[in-house]
Amino acid sequence: MRVKNSIKQTLFLILLLCNVQFAFGQENYTPGYIVKSNKDTLKGFIDYRNWGVNPKKISFKENQSAESSSYTPIDIAGFGISG
């Protein structure tokens, strides 16, 4: 009986970890802009993650069907999200 409970608990933990991985894997591209180091502004879409602190990198697309590019604070002067 104890072995069955252990197996159930292990399976539950594995499923829970897989579910958490999927939750963090979702994209949320929101209209926004980035300011490049040379002060040029690019409008497009930023993968917004409800950051509590400044992120170490952001993903940016010029349009919804474009490939995303990653930017770090070294690459850009700033960014913003609409709303």
Protein backbone atom coordinates (compact mmCIF):
# COMPACT_ATOMS: atom_id res chain seq x y z
CA MET A 1 0.00 0.00 0.00
CA ARG A 2 2.81 2.36 0.86
CA VAL A 3 4.51 1.73 -2.50
CA LYS A 4 1.35 2.70 -4.42
CA ASN A 5 1.10 6.02 -2.54
CA SER A 6 4.76 6.71 -3.26
CA ILE A 7 4.25 6.05 -6.97
CA LYS A 8 1.16 8.29 -7.03
CA GLN A 9 3.05 11.09 -5.30
CA THR A 10 5.96 10.78 -7.72
CA LEU A 11 3.65 10.85 -10.75
CA PHE A 12 1.82 13.85 -9.31
CA LEU A 13 5.08 15.75 -8.84
CA ILE A 14 6.22 14.97 -12.39
CA LEU A 15 2.92 16.17 -13.83
CA LEU A 16 3.03 19.29 -11.70
CA LEU A 17 6.55 20.14 -12.88
CA CYS A 18 5.54 19.64 -16.51
CA ASN A 19 2.54 21.92 -16.02
CA VAL A 20 4.69 24.67 -14.51
CA GLN A 21 7.09 24.44 -17.47
CA PHE A 22 4.21 25.02 -19.90
CA ALA A 23 2.95 28.01 -17.92
CA PHE A 24 6.30 29.78 -18.23
CA GLY A 25 6.64 28.87 -21.90
CA GLN A 26 3.71 30.96 -23.10
CA GLU A 27 4.27 34.15 -25.05
CA ASN A 28 2.45 37.43 -24.44
CA TYR A 29 3.45 39.85 -27.21
CA THR A 30 2.10 43.31 -26.42
CA PRO A 31 2.46 46.49 -28.50
CA GLY A 32 5.49 48.45 -27.40
CA TYR A 33 8.80 49.93 -28.48
CA ILE A 34 12.53 49.70 -27.90
CA VAL A 35 15.01 52.58 -27.91
CA LYS A 36 18.27 51.46 -29.45
CA SER A 37 21.63 52.65 -28.14
CA ASN A 38 21.88 55.19 -30.97
CA LYS A 39 18.49 56.64 -29.81
CA ASP A 40 16.48 55.20 -32.76
CA THR A 41 13.05 53.97 -31.68
CA LEU A 42 11.57 50.77 -33.11
CA LYS A 43 7.86 50.11 -32.69
CA GLY A 44 6.65 46.55 -32.54
CA PHE A 45 5.71 43.90 -29.99
CA ILE A 46 7.43 42.94 -26.73
CA ASP A 47 6.93 39.62 -24.95
CA TYR A 48 5.55 41.12 -21.73
CA ARG A 49 6.06 39.03 -18.58
CA ASN A 50 4.61 41.26 -15.83
CA TRP A 51 8.10 42.00 -14.56
CA GLY A 52 8.46 43.03 -10.92
CA VAL A 53 12.00 44.27 -11.62
CA ASN A 54 13.79 45.17 -14.83
CA PRO A 55 14.31 42.04 -16.93
CA LYS A 56 17.75 40.76 -17.94
CA LYS A 57 16.49 40.39 -21.53
CA ILE A 58 13.39 41.05 -23.59
CA SER A 59 12.04 39.49 -26.76
CA PHE A 60 10.94 41.90 -29.49
CA LYS A 61 9.16 41.48 -32.85
CA GLU A 62 8.60 44.22 -35.41
CA ASN A 63 5.28 42.57 -36.32
CA GLN A 64 3.30 39.56 -35.10
CA SER A 65 4.57 37.24 -37.84
CA ALA A 66 8.25 38.25 -37.60
CA GLU A 67 10.99 36.28 -35.87
CA SER A 68 11.71 37.48 -32.35
CA SER A 69 14.99 39.11 -31.36
CA SER A 70 16.39 39.22 -27.83
CA TYR A 71 17.79 42.42 -26.34
CA THR A 72 19.68 42.99 -23.09
CA PRO A 73 20.25 46.29 -21.25
CA ILE A 74 23.63 46.53 -23.01
CA ASP A 75 21.91 46.38 -26.43
CA ILE A 76 19.24 49.05 -25.89
CA ALA A 77 18.76 52.36 -24.08
CA GLY A 78 15.20 51.51 -23.01
CA PHE A 79 11.84 49.99 -23.87
CA GLY A 80 8.18 50.50 -23.14
CA ILE A 81 4.87 48.68 -23.27
CA SER A 82 1.66 50.32 -24.47
CA GLY A 83 -0.80 50.83 -21.62
